[in-house]
């Protein structure tokens, strides 16, 4: 790696918010009930509907 690219890469990673990728929810997740609806056990209802009618996805 040449010196200019190395310097630019170090500057790129040094400043701003840590990390490169973030995951943001598409649904409201403000409490334990929201998490239960989104994940286990709530997601089972959505999975059962998909199994019953895959074309409805």
Protein backbone atom coordinates (compact mmCIF):
# COMPACT_ATOMS: atom_id res chain seq x y z
CA UNK A 1 0.00 0.00 0.00
CA UNK A 2 1.47 3.34 -0.93
CA UNK A 3 1.93 6.05 1.70
CA UNK A 4 -0.84 8.32 0.37
CA UNK A 5 -3.43 5.55 0.39
CA UNK A 6 -2.33 4.46 3.86
CA UNK A 7 -2.64 8.01 5.20
CA UNK A 8 -6.06 8.47 3.59
CA UNK A 9 -7.30 5.14 4.98
CA UNK A 10 -6.16 5.98 8.51
CA UNK A 11 -7.85 9.39 8.34
CA UNK A 12 -11.03 7.79 6.97
CA UNK A 13 -11.23 5.37 9.90
CA UNK A 14 -10.14 7.85 12.59
CA UNK A 15 -13.00 10.34 12.44
CA UNK A 16 -16.76 10.19 12.54
CA UNK A 17 -19.01 7.58 14.03
CA UNK A 18 -17.31 4.25 14.87
CA UNK A 19 -17.98 1.30 12.60
CA UNK A 20 -18.80 1.09 8.91
CA UNK A 21 -22.25 -0.49 8.83
CA UNK A 22 -25.29 -0.06 11.04
CA UNK A 23 -28.57 -1.92 11.29
CA UNK A 24 -31.69 0.09 11.97
CA UNK A 25 -35.09 -1.39 12.75
CA UNK A 26 -37.97 -0.96 10.33
CA UNK A 27 -40.52 -1.42 13.09
CA UNK A 28 -40.90 0.32 16.45
CA UNK A 29 -38.78 -1.44 19.09
CA UNK A 30 -39.14 0.53 22.30
CA UNK A 31 -39.90 -2.12 24.89
CA UNK A 32 -39.86 -5.83 25.66
CA UNK A 33 -43.32 -6.38 24.13
CA UNK A 34 -42.20 -4.89 20.81
CA UNK A 35 -39.20 -7.23 20.79
CA UNK A 36 -41.43 -10.22 21.60
CA UNK A 37 -43.72 -9.33 18.69
CA UNK A 38 -40.79 -8.88 16.30
CA UNK A 39 -38.84 -11.94 17.37
CA UNK A 40 -39.69 -14.94 19.51
CA UNK A 41 -42.51 -15.82 20.00
CA UNK A 42 -44.23 -13.21 17.83
CA UNK A 43 -42.46 -14.01 14.58
CA UNK A 44 -43.96 -17.51 14.69
CA UNK A 45 -47.36 -16.09 13.71
CA UNK A 46 -45.87 -14.52 10.58
CA UNK A 47 -44.01 -17.75 9.75
CA UNK A 48 -47.20 -19.81 10.13
CA UNK A 49 -49.03 -17.48 7.75
CA UNK A 50 -46.25 -17.84 5.18
CA UNK A 51 -46.39 -21.64 5.45
CA UNK A 52 -50.17 -21.58 5.06
CA UNK A 53 -50.04 -19.31 1.98
CA UNK A 54 -46.55 -18.75 0.48
CA UNK A 55 -48.02 -16.60 -2.30
CA UNK A 56 -49.10 -14.07 0.31
CA UNK A 57 -45.54 -12.93 0.96
